[in-house]
């Protein structure tokens, strides 16, 4: 699948307190179609607005390197400071900005067009950064004032999903595909975000084609993939066979296993027995230098909200890993977190979740391995 000729980076950063809790958002779009190719949003601790804005720019430029390295690039930001400094018209004087500006220049391809836009034209990046800030602060979205809400009564929720008509009341279907096998899969070693990034082996590629044939029975509107190589390869096979595009979402990447990456379960048991027991006993515990299951659940929950908002009523193929797929299933079942330890997922298996317009989710299939 050929890449886009021209792309647009929409980047932003924000700090609640300046300095205060800060985050960035970066959206990469195909300039010709307007379609989102990839996006990224993360908190960065306590920082200033300018630091967050520069961090968002760097994230957007890194997305270009990952997804559209040959494309012509335009950067659109509502930060006059960042745009003018990167265009070379203003000097970078603040000591906190100097290394960030240097990093941005290092990853920026030649010929970037630097465009300042008013804030109202940078809403996508602003929205995703504020979402992660809200989630980090434990906030829920505030409801509109009573006088601005619709006056009609909400439709009653119907938990009897078997009686629903998907044509009259179409749900958003998430077809969850685990990536095909890699050599690490066969070796049964921890392999998460931030560690080794193996690609598919021959059997993994064959599995991906079989999964594509299975998914084609229901059709697909888009393929959304984790950024790791094994998922990207699986997603490209699915997208090519299904005739749709791939969008990368970092929120559905595998958990980070930190110091355990590349080790077998037995090797971790020998190396860190007490930490392993704590990790198995509590989903709030993370491997050394890694990520807890609770943290993975929070980002998968955000990802599901974005997918429903972006592709409501459509069929979305989500190519991800064992841990995030278990979290999607847990969300559908509204099950307690320990249920994830009772779920198994085989390579290139297919699970299906539907989220109905009233928010009720259902599990239609789990761990189906296409023959």
Protein backbone atom coordinates (compact mmCIF):
# COMPACT_ATOMS: atom_id res chain seq x y z
CA UNK A 1 0.00 0.00 0.00
CA UNK A 2 1.54 3.28 -1.09
CA UNK A 3 1.86 6.09 1.42
CA UNK A 4 0.35 9.56 1.17
CA UNK A 5 2.03 12.20 -0.99
CA UNK A 6 1.38 15.04 1.45
CA UNK A 7 0.64 15.02 5.17
CA UNK A 8 -0.41 17.56 7.77
CA UNK A 9 0.70 17.52 11.39
CA UNK A 10 -1.76 19.11 13.83
CA UNK A 11 0.06 19.47 17.16
CA UNK A 12 -0.68 21.13 20.46
CA UNK A 13 0.35 21.10 24.09
CA UNK A 14 -1.22 22.38 27.26
CA UNK A 15 -0.41 22.92 30.92
CA UNK A 16 -2.96 23.42 33.67
CA UNK A 17 -1.13 25.96 35.79
CA UNK A 18 1.77 26.89 33.47
CA UNK A 19 3.73 25.19 34.87
CA UNK A 20 1.39 22.43 35.98
CA UNK A 21 0.11 19.03 34.85
CA UNK A 22 0.82 18.98 31.13
CA UNK A 23 0.14 16.88 28.05
CA UNK A 24 0.51 17.01 24.30
CA UNK A 25 -1.56 15.88 21.33
CA UNK A 26 -0.43 15.18 17.77
CA UNK A 27 -2.58 14.19 14.80
CA UNK A 28 -1.16 13.12 11.42
CA UNK A 29 -3.50 13.52 8.43
CA UNK A 30 -3.37 12.72 4.75
CA UNK A 31 -3.42 16.23 3.25
CA UNK A 32 -5.36 15.10 0.18
CA UNK A 33 -8.15 13.17 1.90
CA UNK A 34 -8.15 14.64 5.43
CA UNK A 35 -8.13 11.11 6.86
CA UNK A 36 -6.30 10.57 10.16
CA UNK A 37 -3.27 8.33 9.63
CA UNK A 38 -2.11 8.22 13.26
CA UNK A 39 -2.41 10.18 16.47
CA UNK A 40 -0.69 10.31 19.82
CA UNK A 41 -1.47 12.00 23.15
CA UNK A 42 0.30 11.58 26.48
CA UNK A 43 0.80 13.34 29.77
CA UNK A 44 4.35 14.60 30.45
CA UNK A 45 4.23 15.44 34.14
CA UNK A 46 4.60 19.03 35.32
CA UNK A 47 5.70 21.39 32.53
CA UNK A 48 4.93 24.72 30.86
CA UNK A 49 2.67 25.29 27.87
CA UNK A 50 5.67 25.87 25.62
CA UNK A 51 7.39 22.65 26.67
CA UNK A 52 4.15 20.73 26.04
CA UNK A 53 3.71 22.38 22.63
CA UNK A 54 7.22 21.49 21.55
CA UNK A 55 6.74 17.94 22.80
CA UNK A 56 3.57 17.68 20.72
CA UNK A 57 5.46 18.91 17.66
CA UNK A 58 8.20 16.32 18.17
CA UNK A 59 5.58 13.57 18.54
CA UNK A 60 3.95 14.67 15.27
CA UNK A 61 7.28 14.64 13.45
CA UNK A 62 8.01 11.17 14.82
CA UNK A 63 4.63 10.01 13.48
CA UNK A 64 5.71 11.24 10.03
CA UNK A 65 8.95 9.24 10.28
CA UNK A 66 6.96 6.14 11.24
CA UNK A 67 4.09 6.38 8.78
CA UNK A 68 4.89 8.74 5.89
CA UNK A 69 8.67 9.22 5.62
CA UNK A 70 8.52 10.15 1.90
CA UNK A 71 5.65 12.63 2.16
CA UNK A 72 5.76 16.40 1.97
CA UNK A 73 4.99 17.81 5.42
CA UNK A 74 3.04 20.82 6.67
CA UNK A 75 2.93 21.54 10.40
CA UNK A 76 -0.09 23.43 11.73
CA UNK A 77 -0.02 24.76 15.29
CA UNK A 78 -1.72 27.57 17.17
CA UNK A 79 1.53 28.32 19.00
CA UNK A 80 3.01 31.39 17.31
CA UNK A 81 6.20 30.92 19.34
CA UNK A 82 6.88 27.36 18.15
CA UNK A 83 6.00 28.06 14.52
CA UNK A 84 8.14 31.20 14.30
CA UNK A 85 11.09 29.58 16.06
CA UNK A 86 10.98 26.47 13.89
CA UNK A 87 10.68 28.60 10.75
CA UNK A 88 13.84 30.42 11.83
CA UNK A 89 12.25 33.83 12.13
CA UNK A 90 12.51 33.99 15.95
CA UNK A 91 15.46 32.96 18.08
CA UNK A 92 15.18 30.19 20.66
CA UNK A 93 16.34 31.80 23.90
CA UNK A 94 14.73 29.98 26.83
CA UNK A 95 16.96 27.22 28.18
CA UNK A 96 14.03 24.76 28.36
CA UNK A 97 13.24 25.33 24.69
CA UNK A 98 16.75 24.94 23.26
CA UNK A 99 17.03 21.11 23.49
CA UNK A 100 13.43 20.65 22.37
CA UNK A 101 13.89 22.87 19.32
CA UNK A 102 17.10 21.00 18.51
CA UNK A 103 15.29 17.66 18.74
CA UNK A 104 12.47 18.92 16.53
CA UNK A 105 14.95 20.07 13.87
CA UNK A 106 16.72 16.72 14.09
CA UNK A 107 13.59 14.70 13.29
CA UNK A 108 11.98 17.18 10.88
CA UNK A 109 12.35 16.21 7.20
CA UNK A 110 13.56 18.80 4.73
CA UNK A 111 11.09 21.22 3.24
CA UNK A 112 8.59 21.36 6.11
CA UNK A 113 6.01 24.13 5.76
CA UNK A 114 5.39 25.84 9.13
CA UNK A 115 1.86 27.26 9.41
CA UNK A 116 0.31 29.15 12.33
CA UNK A 117 -3.45 28.55 12.68
CA UNK A 118 -5.96 30.03 15.14
CA UNK A 119 -6.91 27.83 18.07
CA UNK A 120 -10.34 26.98 16.63
CA UNK A 121 -8.60 25.26 13.71
CA UNK A 122 -6.50 23.06 15.96
CA UNK A 123 -9.32 21.36 17.86
CA UNK A 124 -8.37 17.74 17.19
CA UNK A 125 -4.96 17.91 18.85
CA UNK A 126 -6.33 20.05 21.68
CA UNK A 127 -9.15 17.57 22.32
CA UNK A 128 -6.96 14.50 22.69
CA UNK A 129 -4.45 16.22 24.97
CA UNK A 130 -7.21 17.48 27.25
CA UNK A 131 -8.75 14.02 27.32
CA UNK A 132 -5.56 12.47 28.69
CA UNK A 133 -5.21 15.31 31.19
CA UNK A 134 -8.78 14.74 32.37
CA UNK A 135 -8.18 11.00 32.67
CA UNK A 136 -4.95 11.55 34.58
CA UNK A 137 -6.80 13.83 37.00
CA UNK A 138 -9.66 11.35 37.40
CA UNK A 139 -12.18 13.74 35.91
CA UNK A 140 -15.27 12.91 33.89
CA UNK A 141 -16.54 15.08 31.09
CA UNK A 142 -18.77 17.84 32.43
CA UNK A 143 -22.37 17.74 31.26
CA UNK A 144 -23.77 20.70 29.40
CA UNK A 145 -25.78 23.21 31.47
CA UNK A 146 -29.40 22.17 31.92
CA UNK A 147 -30.73 25.02 29.79
CA UNK A 148 -28.58 23.90 26.82
CA UNK A 149 -29.46 20.21 26.95
CA UNK A 150 -32.03 18.69 24.58
CA UNK A 151 -35.52 18.68 26.05
CA UNK A 152 -36.54 15.28 24.69
CA UNK A 153 -36.46 12.33 27.07
CA UNK A 154 -33.57 9.86 26.59
CA UNK A 155 -34.45 6.48 25.16
CA UNK A 156 -34.59 3.76 27.82
CA UNK A 157 -31.62 1.39 27.94
CA UNK A 158 -32.51 -2.12 26.87
CA UNK A 159 -30.18 -4.76 28.30
CA UNK A 160 -31.94 -7.48 26.28
CA UNK A 161 -29.45 -7.17 23.44
CA UNK A 162 -30.76 -10.27 21.69
CA UNK A 163 -33.96 -8.34 20.88
CA UNK A 164 -32.19 -5.45 19.23
CA UNK A 165 -32.20 -4.73 15.50
CA UNK A 166 -28.66 -3.82 14.35
CA UNK A 167 -30.04 -2.35 11.14
CA UNK A 168 -32.42 0.02 12.90
CA UNK A 169 -30.03 0.78 15.78
CA UNK A 170 -26.54 0.08 14.41
CA UNK A 171 -23.81 -0.62 16.97
CA UNK A 172 -20.12 0.09 16.53
CA UNK A 173 -18.46 -3.26 15.90
CA UNK A 174 -14.89 -3.76 17.08
CA UNK A 175 -13.33 -6.82 15.48
CA UNK A 176 -10.34 -7.47 17.73
CA UNK A 177 -7.52 -9.31 15.97
CA UNK A 178 -4.43 -10.41 17.84
CA UNK A 179 -1.30 -10.11 15.70
CA UNK A 180 0.09 -13.20 13.98
CA UNK A 181 2.88 -15.28 15.45
CA UNK A 182 6.47 -14.08 15.84
CA UNK A 183 9.51 -16.04 16.98
CA UNK A 184 8.99 -14.46 20.41
CA UNK A 185 5.40 -15.73 20.44
CA UNK A 186 6.66 -19.26 19.84
CA UNK A 187 9.34 -18.87 22.53
CA UNK A 188 6.73 -17.59 25.02
CA UNK A 189 8.76 -14.63 26.25
CA UNK A 190 7.52 -11.30 27.57
CA UNK A 191 7.41 -8.94 24.61
CA UNK A 192 5.89 -5.53 25.23
CA UNK A 193 6.10 -1.87 24.38
CA UNK A 194 9.61 -0.51 24.70
CA UNK A 195 11.36 -3.86 24.30
CA UNK A 196 12.19 -5.96 21.26
CA UNK A 197 9.93 -5.29 18.28
CA UNK A 198 9.90 -8.51 16.25
CA UNK A 199 8.05 -8.88 12.98
CA UNK A 200 5.87 -11.79 11.92
CA UNK A 201 7.38 -15.13 11.02
CA UNK A 202 6.13 -17.15 8.02
CA UNK A 203 3.35 -18.78 10.01
CA UNK A 204 2.32 -15.39 11.41
CA UNK A 205 1.88 -14.00 7.90
CA UNK A 206 -0.19 -17.01 6.87
CA UNK A 207 -2.32 -16.58 10.00
CA UNK A 208 -2.93 -12.92 9.13
CA UNK A 209 -4.22 -13.84 5.67
CA UNK A 210 -6.57 -16.41 7.19
CA UNK A 211 -7.82 -13.82 9.66
CA UNK A 212 -8.44 -11.40 6.77
CA UNK A 213 -10.56 -13.99 4.95
CA UNK A 214 -12.59 -14.55 8.12
CA UNK A 215 -13.09 -10.82 8.79
CA UNK A 216 -14.09 -10.22 5.17
CA UNK A 217 -17.36 -12.10 5.80
CA UNK A 218 -18.62 -9.15 7.83
CA UNK A 219 -16.61 -6.47 6.03
CA UNK A 220 -14.62 -3.60 7.50
CA UNK A 221 -14.56 0.17 7.21
CA UNK A 222 -11.09 0.76 8.66
CA UNK A 223 -8.21 -1.10 10.29
CA UNK A 224 -6.78 0.45 13.47
CA UNK A 225 -3.41 -0.91 14.55
CA UNK A 226 -0.94 -0.85 17.41
CA UNK A 227 2.33 0.75 16.28
CA UNK A 228 4.48 -2.33 16.98
CA UNK A 229 5.83 -4.19 13.95
CA UNK A 230 3.94 -7.45 14.46
CA UNK A 231 0.64 -5.58 14.55
CA UNK A 232 1.56 -3.23 11.71
CA UNK A 233 2.42 -6.21 9.48
CA UNK A 234 -0.79 -8.01 10.43
CA UNK A 235 -2.80 -4.83 9.86
CA UNK A 236 -1.25 -4.22 6.44
CA UNK A 237 -2.15 -7.75 5.34
CA UNK A 238 -5.72 -7.29 6.60
CA UNK A 239 -6.05 -3.85 5.03
CA UNK A 240 -4.70 -4.98 1.67
CA UNK A 241 -6.95 -8.04 1.59
CA UNK A 242 -9.99 -6.02 2.75
CA UNK A 243 -9.31 -2.93 0.63
CA UNK A 244 -9.35 -0.41 3.49
CA UNK A 245 -6.88 1.96 5.15
CA UNK A 246 -4.76 1.52 8.28
CA UNK A 247 -4.81 4.04 11.14
CA UNK A 248 -2.25 3.64 13.95
CA UNK A 249 -3.31 4.23 17.56
CA UNK A 250 -0.68 4.13 20.31
CA UNK A 251 -3.33 3.58 22.98
CA UNK A 252 -3.73 -0.07 21.91
CA UNK A 253 -0.04 -0.99 22.15
CA UNK A 254 0.96 -3.95 24.34
CA UNK A 255 1.78 -3.35 28.00
CA UNK A 256 5.37 -2.43 28.80
CA UNK A 257 7.05 -5.27 30.70
CA UNK A 258 10.16 -3.25 31.52
CA UNK A 259 13.04 -5.37 32.79
CA UNK A 260 11.12 -8.58 32.08
CA UNK A 261 11.03 -8.01 28.34
CA UNK A 262 12.65 -10.93 26.50
CA UNK A 263 12.43 -13.29 29.50
CA UNK A 264 10.26 -16.37 29.93
CA UNK A 265 7.87 -16.71 32.85
CA UNK A 266 10.26 -19.18 34.50
CA UNK A 267 13.17 -16.77 34.10
CA UNK A 268 11.16 -13.95 35.69
CA UNK A 269 10.17 -16.29 38.53
CA UNK A 270 13.86 -16.95 39.19
CA UNK A 271 14.90 -13.29 38.79
CA UNK A 272 12.08 -11.42 40.62
CA UNK A 273 9.92 -13.94 42.55
CA UNK A 274 8.50 -11.43 45.03
CA UNK A 275 7.70 -8.82 42.38
CA UNK A 276 6.17 -11.46 40.12
CA UNK A 277 3.89 -12.64 42.93
CA UNK A 278 2.84 -9.05 43.63
CA UNK A 279 2.19 -8.47 39.90
CA UNK A 280 0.04 -11.59 39.69
CA UNK A 281 -1.86 -10.59 42.85
CA UNK A 282 -2.63 -6.98 41.96
CA UNK A 283 -3.31 -5.32 38.59
CA UNK A 284 -2.03 -2.06 40.10
CA UNK A 285 1.53 -3.46 40.31
CA UNK A 286 3.87 -2.96 37.36
CA UNK A 287 6.96 -4.98 36.40
CA UNK A 288 10.21 -3.12 37.19
CA UNK A 289 10.37 -0.25 34.72
CA UNK A 290 7.09 -1.37 33.13
CA UNK A 291 3.38 -0.65 33.12
CA UNK A 292 0.58 -1.96 35.33
CA UNK A 293 -2.52 -3.63 33.96
CA UNK A 294 -4.57 -0.83 35.50
CA UNK A 295 -2.69 1.70 33.37
CA UNK A 296 -3.29 -0.39 30.24
CA UNK A 297 -6.99 -0.56 31.03
CA UNK A 298 -7.23 3.23 31.34
CA UNK A 299 -5.68 3.86 27.93
CA UNK A 300 -7.75 1.12 26.25
CA UNK A 301 -10.87 2.67 27.75
CA UNK A 302 -9.87 6.00 26.21
CA UNK A 303 -9.18 4.28 22.90
CA UNK A 304 -12.63 2.69 22.86
CA UNK A 305 -14.30 6.04 23.48
CA UNK A 306 -12.35 7.56 20.58
CA UNK A 307 -13.17 4.68 18.26
CA UNK A 308 -16.89 4.91 18.98
CA UNK A 309 -16.81 8.69 18.55
CA UNK A 310 -14.87 8.46 15.28
CA UNK A 311 -16.49 5.40 13.70
CA UNK A 312 -19.94 5.18 15.27
CA UNK A 313 -22.07 2.47 13.66
CA UNK A 314 -19.20 1.13 11.56
CA UNK A 315 -17.11 -2.04 11.50
CA UNK A 316 -13.67 -1.33 12.93
CA UNK A 317 -10.90 -3.93 12.82
CA UNK A 318 -8.56 -3.42 15.79
CA UNK A 319 -5.20 -5.18 15.44
CA UNK A 320 -3.59 -5.35 18.86
CA UNK A 321 -2.02 -7.58 21.51
CA UNK A 322 -3.11 -9.95 24.24
CA UNK A 323 -3.38 -7.40 27.05
CA UNK A 324 -5.32 -4.62 25.26
CA UNK A 325 -7.72 -7.13 23.68
CA UNK A 326 -8.45 -8.59 27.11
CA UNK A 327 -9.23 -5.07 28.30
CA UNK A 328 -11.71 -4.51 25.46
CA UNK A 329 -13.40 -7.78 26.43
CA UNK A 330 -13.44 -6.83 30.10
CA UNK A 331 -15.12 -3.53 29.15
CA UNK A 332 -17.76 -5.36 27.13
CA UNK A 333 -18.55 -7.74 29.99
CA UNK A 334 -18.27 -5.06 32.70
CA UNK A 335 -16.25 -7.71 34.55
CA UNK A 336 -13.87 -7.25 37.48
CA UNK A 337 -10.24 -6.80 36.52
CA UNK A 338 -9.03 -10.27 37.66
CA UNK A 339 -11.04 -11.79 34.81
CA UNK A 340 -8.13 -10.97 32.48
CA UNK A 341 -6.10 -13.78 34.09
CA UNK A 342 -8.80 -16.28 33.01
CA UNK A 343 -8.75 -15.29 29.33
CA UNK A 344 -6.58 -16.89 26.66
CA UNK A 345 -5.86 -15.53 23.18
CA UNK A 346 -4.15 -17.36 20.35
CA UNK A 347 -2.12 -15.66 17.59
CA UNK A 348 -4.27 -14.07 14.86
CA UNK A 349 -7.43 -15.00 16.75
CA UNK A 350 -10.55 -12.90 16.25
CA UNK A 351 -12.86 -11.59 18.97
CA UNK A 352 -15.85 -9.34 18.37
CA UNK A 353 -17.32 -6.64 20.60
CA UNK A 354 -20.30 -4.43 19.78
CA UNK A 355 -20.99 -1.10 21.46
CA UNK A 356 -24.59 0.04 21.06
CA UNK A 357 -25.64 3.71 20.82
CA UNK A 358 -26.90 3.70 24.42
CA UNK A 359 -23.47 2.55 25.66
CA UNK A 360 -24.27 -1.09 26.36
CA UNK A 361 -21.57 -3.38 24.99
CA UNK A 362 -21.77 -7.06 24.09
CA UNK A 363 -19.30 -9.84 23.34
CA UNK A 364 -20.27 -11.75 20.18
CA UNK A 365 -17.20 -13.94 19.70
CA UNK A 366 -13.96 -14.68 21.51
CA UNK A 367 -10.64 -16.21 20.45
CA UNK A 368 -11.87 -17.59 17.13
CA UNK A 369 -8.94 -18.99 15.14
CA UNK A 370 -9.77 -18.95 11.41
CA UNK A 371 -8.92 -22.19 9.62
